[in-house]
């Protein structure tokens, strides 16, 4: 079942700045991966292919987080 994503940007949180509202809306949509979901649903994808892509995407994010952790650790070591 697909997750329900309500992306709301209020004028109050953007201080009535329309350009800021649009930027914030786009940022929230990207974070929720709404556009990516629509693109993926355009064509049928075999379940095995979908699982493989999901596994590869998860591996990339793990590696990215690990590199980020290592960089912060190196910065801490340099400062001490």
PDB file of N, CA and C in Angstrom:
ATOM      1  N   UNK A   1       0.841  -1.182   0.000  1.00  0.00           N
ATOM      2  CA  UNK A   1       0.000   0.000   0.000  1.00  0.00           C
ATOM      3  C   UNK A   1       0.889   1.249   0.000  1.00  0.00           C
ATOM      4  N   UNK A   2       0.525   2.193  -0.813  1.00  0.00           N
ATOM      5  CA  UNK A   2       1.323   3.412  -0.932  1.00  0.00           C
ATOM      6  C   UNK A   2       1.116   4.294   0.292  1.00  0.00           C
ATOM      7  N   UNK A   3       2.168   5.007   0.645  1.00  0.00           N
ATOM      8  CA  UNK A   3       2.062   5.889   1.795  1.00  0.00           C
ATOM      9  C   UNK A   3       1.341   7.175   1.396  1.00  0.00           C
ATOM     10  N   UNK A   4       0.624   7.722   2.321  1.00  0.00           N
ATOM     11  CA  UNK A   4      -0.104   8.953   2.084  1.00  0.00           C
ATOM     12  C   UNK A   4       0.802  10.122   2.429  1.00  0.00           C
ATOM     13  N   UNK A   5       1.023  11.013   1.476  1.00  0.00           N
ATOM     14  CA  UNK A   5       1.933  12.132   1.689  1.00  0.00           C
ATOM     15  C   UNK A   5       1.177  13.435   1.472  1.00  0.00           C
ATOM     16  N   UNK A   6       0.930  14.143   2.537  1.00  0.00           N
ATOM     17  CA  UNK A   6       0.323  15.464   2.442  1.00  0.00           C
ATOM     18  C   UNK A   6       1.419  16.495   2.615  1.00  0.00           C
ATOM     19  N   UNK A   7       1.712  17.197   1.538  1.00  0.00           N
ATOM     20  CA  UNK A   7       2.759  18.215   1.573  1.00  0.00           C
ATOM     21  C   UNK A   7       2.059  19.564   1.631  1.00  0.00           C
ATOM     22  N   UNK A   8       2.240  20.255   2.744  1.00  0.00           N
ATOM     23  CA  UNK A   8       1.580  21.537   2.956  1.00  0.00           C
ATOM     24  C   UNK A   8       2.631  22.580   3.304  1.00  0.00           C
ATOM     25  N   UNK A   9       2.531  23.716   2.627  1.00  0.00           N
ATOM     26  CA  UNK A   9       3.410  24.840   2.932  1.00  0.00           C
ATOM     27  C   UNK A   9       2.501  26.030   3.198  1.00  0.00           C
ATOM     28  N   UNK A  10       2.625  26.613   4.372  1.00  0.00           N
ATOM     29  CA  UNK A  10       1.778  27.744   4.721  1.00  0.00           C
ATOM     30  C   UNK A  10       2.494  29.059   4.460  1.00  0.00           C
ATOM     31  N   UNK A  11       1.708  30.094   4.248  1.00  0.00           N
ATOM     32  CA  UNK A  11       2.277  31.421   4.024  1.00  0.00           C
ATOM     33  C   UNK A  11       2.945  31.931   5.293  1.00  0.00           C
ATOM     34  N   UNK A  12       2.414  31.507   6.431  1.00  0.00           N
ATOM     35  CA  UNK A  12       2.957  31.965   7.709  1.00  0.00           C
ATOM     36  C   UNK A  12       4.392  31.476   7.918  1.00  0.00           C
ATOM     37  N   UNK A  13       4.649  30.202   7.590  1.00  0.00           N
ATOM     38  CA  UNK A  13       6.002  29.667   7.799  1.00  0.00           C
ATOM     39  C   UNK A  13       7.004  30.236   6.805  1.00  0.00           C
ATOM     40  N   UNK A  14       6.532  30.829   5.705  1.00  0.00           N
ATOM     41  CA  UNK A  14       7.423  31.438   4.708  1.00  0.00           C
ATOM     42  C   UNK A  14       7.339  32.955   4.716  1.00  0.00           C
ATOM     43  N   UNK A  15       6.674  33.507   5.704  1.00  0.00           N
ATOM     44  CA  UNK A  15       6.557  34.960   5.873  1.00  0.00           C
ATOM     45  C   UNK A  15       5.972  35.628   4.633  1.00  0.00           C
ATOM     46  N   UNK A  16       4.954  34.991   4.030  1.00  0.00           N
ATOM     47  CA  UNK A  16       4.240  35.500   2.861  1.00  0.00           C
ATOM     48  C   UNK A  16       5.132  35.733   1.647  1.00  0.00           C
ATOM     49  N   UNK A  17       6.273  35.088   1.588  1.00  0.00           N
ATOM     50  CA  UNK A  17       7.168  35.191   0.445  1.00  0.00           C
ATOM     51  C   UNK A  17       6.834  34.037  -0.506  1.00  0.00           C
ATOM     52  N   UNK A  18       6.283  34.372  -1.679  1.00  0.00           N
ATOM     53  CA  UNK A  18       5.806  33.348  -2.607  1.00  0.00           C
ATOM     54  C   UNK A  18       6.942  32.506  -3.185  1.00  0.00           C
ATOM     55  N   UNK A  19       8.065  33.134  -3.487  1.00  0.00           N
ATOM     56  CA  UNK A  19       9.193  32.375  -4.029  1.00  0.00           C
ATOM     57  C   UNK A  19       9.719  31.377  -3.000  1.00  0.00           C
ATOM     58  N   UNK A  20       9.767  31.802  -1.757  1.00  0.00           N
ATOM     59  CA  UNK A  20      10.224  30.918  -0.684  1.00  0.00           C
ATOM     60  C   UNK A  20       9.243  29.764  -0.495  1.00  0.00           C
ATOM     61  N   UNK A  21       7.961  30.056  -0.645  1.00  0.00           N
ATOM     62  CA  UNK A  21       6.947  29.004  -0.519  1.00  0.00           C
ATOM     63  C   UNK A  21       7.136  27.943  -1.592  1.00  0.00           C
ATOM     64  N   UNK A  22       7.392  28.377  -2.823  1.00  0.00           N
ATOM     65  CA  UNK A  22       7.584  27.423  -3.914  1.00  0.00           C
ATOM     66  C   UNK A  22       8.829  26.575  -3.672  1.00  0.00           C
ATOM     67  N   UNK A  23       9.925  27.212  -3.260  1.00  0.00           N
ATOM     68  CA  UNK A  23      11.158  26.469  -2.983  1.00  0.00           C
ATOM     69  C   UNK A  23      10.949  25.449  -1.870  1.00  0.00           C
ATOM     70  N   UNK A  24      10.266  25.873  -0.820  1.00  0.00           N
ATOM     71  CA  UNK A  24      10.028  24.963   0.307  1.00  0.00           C
ATOM     72  C   UNK A  24       9.122  23.802  -0.102  1.00  0.00           C
ATOM     73  N   UNK A  25       8.115  24.100  -0.946  1.00  0.00           N
ATOM     74  CA  UNK A  25       7.223  23.045  -1.432  1.00  0.00           C
ATOM     75  C   UNK A  25       8.006  22.022  -2.245  1.00  0.00           C
ATOM     76  N   UNK A  26       8.855  22.498  -3.155  1.00  0.00           N
ATOM     77  CA  UNK A  26       9.650  21.596  -3.990  1.00  0.00           C
ATOM     78  C   UNK A  26      10.560  20.741  -3.113  1.00  0.00           C
ATOM     79  N   UNK A  27      11.159  21.353  -2.107  1.00  0.00           N
ATOM     80  CA  UNK A  27      12.052  20.622  -1.204  1.00  0.00           C
ATOM     81  C   UNK A  27      11.293  19.519  -0.455  1.00  0.00           C
ATOM     82  N   UNK A  28      10.079  19.841   0.009  1.00  0.00           N
ATOM     83  CA  UNK A  28       9.288  18.838   0.737  1.00  0.00           C
ATOM     84  C   UNK A  28       8.854  17.705  -0.184  1.00  0.00           C
ATOM     85  N   UNK A  29       8.492  18.040  -1.424  1.00  0.00           N
ATOM     86  CA  UNK A  29       8.081  17.017  -2.390  1.00  0.00           C
ATOM     87  C   UNK A  29       9.247  16.085  -2.692  1.00  0.00           C
ATOM     88  N   UNK A  30      10.439  16.638  -2.853  1.00  0.00           N
ATOM     89  CA  UNK A  30      11.619  15.801  -3.099  1.00  0.00           C
ATOM     90  C   UNK A  30      11.901  14.902  -1.911  1.00  0.00           C
ATOM     91  N   UNK A  31      11.757  15.439  -0.704  1.00  0.00           N
ATOM     92  CA  UNK A  31      12.017  14.654   0.503  1.00  0.00           C
ATOM     93  C   UNK A  31      11.038  13.485   0.617  1.00  0.00           C
ATOM     94  N   UNK A  32       9.794  13.706   0.245  1.00  0.00           N
ATOM     95  CA  UNK A  32       8.779  12.654   0.306  1.00  0.00           C
ATOM     96  C   UNK A  32       8.858  11.700  -0.887  1.00  0.00           C
ATOM     97  N   UNK A  33       9.694  12.042  -1.877  1.00  0.00           N
ATOM     98  CA  UNK A  33       9.888  11.231  -3.083  1.00  0.00           C
ATOM     99  C   UNK A  33       8.605  11.026  -3.875  1.00  0.00           C
ATOM    100  N   UNK A  34       7.804  12.047  -3.970  1.00  0.00           N
ATOM    101  CA  UNK A  34       6.533  11.960  -4.687  1.00  0.00           C
ATOM    102  C   UNK A  34       6.771  11.875  -6.188  1.00  0.00           C
ATOM    103  N   UNK A  35       7.633  12.738  -6.719  1.00  0.00           N
ATOM    104  CA  UNK A  35       7.904  12.744  -8.153  1.00  0.00           C
ATOM    105  C   UNK A  35       8.545  11.429  -8.576  1.00  0.00           C
ATOM    106  N   UNK A  36       9.470  10.932  -7.768  1.00  0.00           N
ATOM    107  CA  UNK A  36      10.125   9.660  -8.064  1.00  0.00           C
ATOM    108  C   UNK A  36       9.099   8.529  -8.112  1.00  0.00           C
ATOM    109  N   UNK A  37       8.148   8.564  -7.199  1.00  0.00           N
ATOM    110  CA  UNK A  37       7.097   7.542  -7.157  1.00  0.00           C
ATOM    111  C   UNK A  37       6.261   7.568  -8.437  1.00  0.00           C
ATOM    112  N   UNK A  38       5.916   8.755  -8.901  1.00  0.00           N
ATOM    113  CA  UNK A  38       5.114   8.885 -10.121  1.00  0.00           C
ATOM    114  C   UNK A  38       5.884   8.353 -11.318  1.00  0.00           C
ATOM    115  N   UNK A  39       7.166   8.701 -11.403  1.00  0.00           N
ATOM    116  CA  UNK A  39       7.991   8.216 -12.519  1.00  0.00           C
ATOM    117  C   UNK A  39       8.104   6.696 -12.509  1.00  0.00           C
ATOM    118  N   UNK A  40       8.242   6.120 -11.313  1.00  0.00           N
ATOM    119  CA  UNK A  40       8.367   4.665 -11.222  1.00  0.00           C
ATOM    120  C   UNK A  40       7.073   3.960 -11.610  1.00  0.00           C
ATOM    121  N   UNK A  41       5.952   4.584 -11.381  1.00  0.00           N
ATOM    122  CA  UNK A  41       4.671   3.945 -11.669  1.00  0.00           C
ATOM    123  C   UNK A  41       4.224   4.107 -13.120  1.00  0.00           C
ATOM    124  N   UNK A  42       4.964   4.872 -13.906  1.00  0.00           N
ATOM    125  CA  UNK A  42       4.580   5.062 -15.309  1.00  0.00           C
ATOM    126  C   UNK A  42       4.608   3.747 -16.072  1.00  0.00           C
ATOM    127  N   UNK A  43       5.597   2.931 -15.799  1.00  0.00           N
ATOM    128  CA  UNK A  43       5.731   1.661 -16.488  1.00  0.00           C
ATOM    129  C   UNK A  43       5.808   0.529 -15.470  1.00  0.00           C
ATOM    130  N   UNK A  44       5.362  -0.643 -15.898  1.00  0.00           N
ATOM    131  CA  UNK A  44       5.416  -1.802 -15.023  1.00  0.00           C
ATOM    132  C   UNK A  44       6.854  -2.255 -14.852  1.00  0.00           C
ATOM    133  N   UNK A  45       7.186  -2.613 -13.638  1.00  0.00           N
ATOM    134  CA  UNK A  45       8.523  -3.112 -13.338  1.00  0.00           C
ATOM    135  C   UNK A  45       8.367  -4.449 -12.631  1.00  0.00           C
ATOM    136  N   UNK A  46       9.083  -5.440 -13.123  1.00  0.00           N
ATOM    137  CA  UNK A  46       9.000  -6.758 -12.509  1.00  0.00           C
ATOM    138  C   UNK A  46       9.404  -6.670 -11.042  1.00  0.00           C
ATOM    139  N   UNK A  47       8.766  -7.449 -10.178  1.00  0.00           N
ATOM    140  CA  UNK A  47       9.096  -7.407  -8.750  1.00  0.00           C
ATOM    141  C   UNK A  47      10.571  -7.688  -8.467  1.00  0.00           C
ATOM    142  N   UNK A  48      11.180  -8.580  -9.219  1.00  0.00           N
ATOM    143  CA  UNK A  48      12.591  -8.889  -8.986  1.00  0.00           C
ATOM    144  C   UNK A  48      13.466  -7.680  -9.310  1.00  0.00           C
ATOM    145  N   UNK A  49      13.126  -6.945 -10.354  1.00  0.00           N
ATOM    146  CA  UNK A  49      13.887  -5.756 -10.733  1.00  0.00           C
ATOM    147  C   UNK A  49      13.693  -4.667  -9.686  1.00  0.00           C
ATOM    148  N   UNK A  50      12.460  -4.529  -9.208  1.00  0.00           N
ATOM    149  CA  UNK A  50      12.168  -3.516  -8.187  1.00  0.00           C
ATOM    150  C   UNK A  50      12.950  -3.806  -6.908  1.00  0.00           C
ATOM    151  N   UNK A  51      13.001  -5.077  -6.502  1.00  0.00           N
ATOM    152  CA  UNK A  51      13.751  -5.452  -5.302  1.00  0.00           C
ATOM    153  C   UNK A  51      15.232  -5.167  -5.467  1.00  0.00           C
ATOM    154  N   UNK A  52      15.750  -5.493  -6.662  1.00  0.00           N
ATOM    155  CA  UNK A  52      17.169  -5.276  -6.920  1.00  0.00           C
ATOM    156  C   UNK A  52      17.507  -3.787  -6.838  1.00  0.00           C
ATOM    157  N   UNK A  53      16.671  -2.944  -7.458  1.00  0.00           N
ATOM    158  CA  UNK A  53      16.909  -1.504  -7.426  1.00  0.00           C
ATOM    159  C   UNK A  53      16.807  -0.957  -6.010  1.00  0.00           C
ATOM    160  N   UNK A  54      15.850  -1.470  -5.255  1.00  0.00           N
ATOM    161  CA  UNK A  54      15.683  -1.037  -3.870  1.00  0.00           C
ATOM    162  C   UNK A  54      16.907  -1.403  -3.036  1.00  0.00           C
ATOM    163  N   UNK A  55      17.424  -2.612  -3.257  1.00  0.00           N
ATOM    164  CA  UNK A  55      18.608  -3.069  -2.530  1.00  0.00           C
ATOM    165  C   UNK A  55      19.827  -2.210  -2.873  1.00  0.00           C
ATOM    166  N   UNK A  56      19.985  -1.890  -4.156  1.00  0.00           N
ATOM    167  CA  UNK A  56      21.115  -1.059  -4.589  1.00  0.00           C
ATOM    168  C   UNK A  56      20.995   0.348  -4.011  1.00  0.00           C
ATOM    169  N   UNK A  57      19.784   0.908  -4.026  1.00  0.00           N
ATOM    170  CA  UNK A  57      19.563   2.249  -3.472  1.00  0.00           C
ATOM    171  C   UNK A  57      19.864   2.279  -1.974  1.00  0.00           C
ATOM    172  N   UNK A  58      19.458   1.236  -1.257  1.00  0.00           N
ATOM    173  CA  UNK A  58      19.719   1.159   0.181  1.00  0.00           C
ATOM    174  C   UNK A  58      21.212   1.054   0.452  1.00  0.00           C
ATOM    175  N   UNK A  59      21.915   0.295  -0.381  1.00  0.00           N
ATOM    176  CA  UNK A  59      23.358   0.141  -0.211  1.00  0.00           C
ATOM    177  C   UNK A  59      24.056   1.481  -0.436  1.00  0.00           C
ATOM    178  N   UNK A  60      23.626   2.216  -1.452  1.00  0.00           N
ATOM    179  CA  UNK A  60      24.220   3.531  -1.715  1.00  0.00           C
ATOM    180  C   UNK A  60      24.015   4.484  -0.549  1.00  0.00           C
ATOM    181  N   UNK A  61      22.801   4.492   0.004  1.00  0.00           N
ATOM    182  CA  UNK A  61      22.540   5.394   1.127  1.00  0.00           C
ATOM    183  C   UNK A  61      23.349   4.992   2.349  1.00  0.00           C
ATOM    184  N   UNK A  62      23.520   3.682   2.578  1.00  0.00           N
ATOM    185  CA  UNK A  62      24.352   3.228   3.698  1.00  0.00           C
ATOM    186  C   UNK A  62      25.793   3.689   3.534  1.00  0.00           C
ATOM    187  N   UNK A  63      26.326   3.525   2.323  1.00  0.00           N
ATOM    188  CA  UNK A  63      27.697   3.955   2.065  1.00  0.00           C
ATOM    189  C   UNK A  63      27.843   5.465   2.231  1.00  0.00           C
ATOM    190  N   UNK A  64      26.853   6.194   1.767  1.00  0.00           N
ATOM    191  CA  UNK A  64      26.883   7.654   1.875  1.00  0.00           C
ATOM    192  C   UNK A  64      26.885   8.082   3.338  1.00  0.00           C
ATOM    193  N   UNK A  65      26.032   7.456   4.147  1.00  0.00           N
ATOM    194  CA  UNK A  65      25.971   7.766   5.576  1.00  0.00           C
ATOM    195  C   UNK A  65      27.279   7.389   6.274  1.00  0.00           C
ATOM    196  N   UNK A  66      27.859   6.266   5.878  1.00  0.00           N
ATOM    197  CA  UNK A  66      29.116   5.830   6.476  1.00  0.00           C
ATOM    198  C   UNK A  66      30.232   6.821   6.164  1.00  0.00           C
ATOM    199  N   UNK A  67      30.297   7.285   4.897  1.00  0.00           N
ATOM    200  CA  UNK A  67      31.302   8.285   4.526  1.00  0.00           C
ATOM    201  C   UNK A  67      31.094   9.575   5.297  1.00  0.00           C
ATOM    202  N   UNK A  68      29.855   9.954   5.474  1.00  0.00           N
ATOM    203  CA  UNK A  68      29.530  11.168   6.223  1.00  0.00           C
ATOM    204  C   UNK A  68      29.994  11.031   7.675  1.00  0.00           C
ATOM    205  N   UNK A  69      29.738   9.869   8.280  1.00  0.00           N
ATOM    206  CA  UNK A  69      30.164   9.614   9.650  1.00  0.00           C
ATOM    207  C   UNK A  69      31.681   9.670   9.776  1.00  0.00           C
ATOM    208  N   UNK A  70      32.366   9.091   8.796  1.00  0.00           N
ATOM    209  CA  UNK A  70      33.827   9.088   8.821  1.00  0.00           C
ATOM    210  C   UNK A  70      34.383  10.503   8.703  1.00  0.00           C
ATOM    211  N   UNK A  71      33.777  11.319   7.820  1.00  0.00           N
ATOM    212  CA  UNK A  71      34.244  12.697   7.670  1.00  0.00           C
ATOM    213  C   UNK A  71      34.077  13.486   8.953  1.00  0.00           C
ATOM    214  N   UNK A  72      32.938  13.326   9.623  1.00  0.00           N
ATOM    215  CA  UNK A  72      32.724  14.052  10.874  1.00  0.00           C
ATOM    216  C   UNK A  72      33.700  13.574  11.941  1.00  0.00           C
ATOM    217  N   UNK A  73      33.988  12.276  11.958  1.00  0.00           N
ATOM    218  CA  UNK A  73      34.949  11.738  12.916  1.00  0.00           C
ATOM    219  C   UNK A  73      36.341  12.301  12.656  1.00  0.00           C
ATOM    220  N   UNK A  74      36.726  12.406  11.390  1.00  0.00           N
ATOM    221  CA  UNK A  74      38.028  12.966  11.041  1.00  0.00           C
ATOM    222  C   UNK A  74      38.119  14.428  11.448  1.00  0.00           C
ATOM    223  N   UNK A  75      37.044  15.181  11.251  1.00  0.00           N
ATOM    224  CA  UNK A  75      37.036  16.585  11.646  1.00  0.00           C
ATOM    225  C   UNK A  75      37.198  16.722  13.159  1.00  0.00           C
ATOM    226  N   UNK A  76      36.530  15.851  13.908  1.00  0.00           N
ATOM    227  CA  UNK A  76      36.659  15.876  15.378  1.00  0.00           C
ATOM    228  C   UNK A  76      38.086  15.558  15.796  1.00  0.00           C
ATOM    229  N   UNK A  77      38.703  14.577  15.130  1.00  0.00           N
ATOM    230  CA  UNK A  77      40.073  14.200  15.477  1.00  0.00           C
ATOM    231  C   UNK A  77      41.059  15.316  15.157  1.00  0.00           C
ATOM    232  N   UNK A  78      40.832  16.043  14.074  1.00  0.00           N
ATOM    233  CA  UNK A  78      41.704  17.149  13.716  1.00  0.00           C
ATOM    234  C   UNK A  78      41.604  18.289  14.727  1.00  0.00           C
ATOM    235  N   UNK A  79      40.399  18.529  15.223  1.00  0.00           N
ATOM    236  CA  UNK A  79      40.184  19.615  16.176  1.00  0.00           C
ATOM    237  C   UNK A  79      40.779  19.316  17.549  1.00  0.00           C
ATOM    238  N   UNK A  80      40.906  18.078  17.889  1.00  0.00           N
ATOM    239  CA  UNK A  80      41.444  17.701  19.211  1.00  0.00           C
ATOM    240  C   UNK A  80      42.908  17.617  19.202  1.00  0.00           C
TER     241      UNK A  80
END
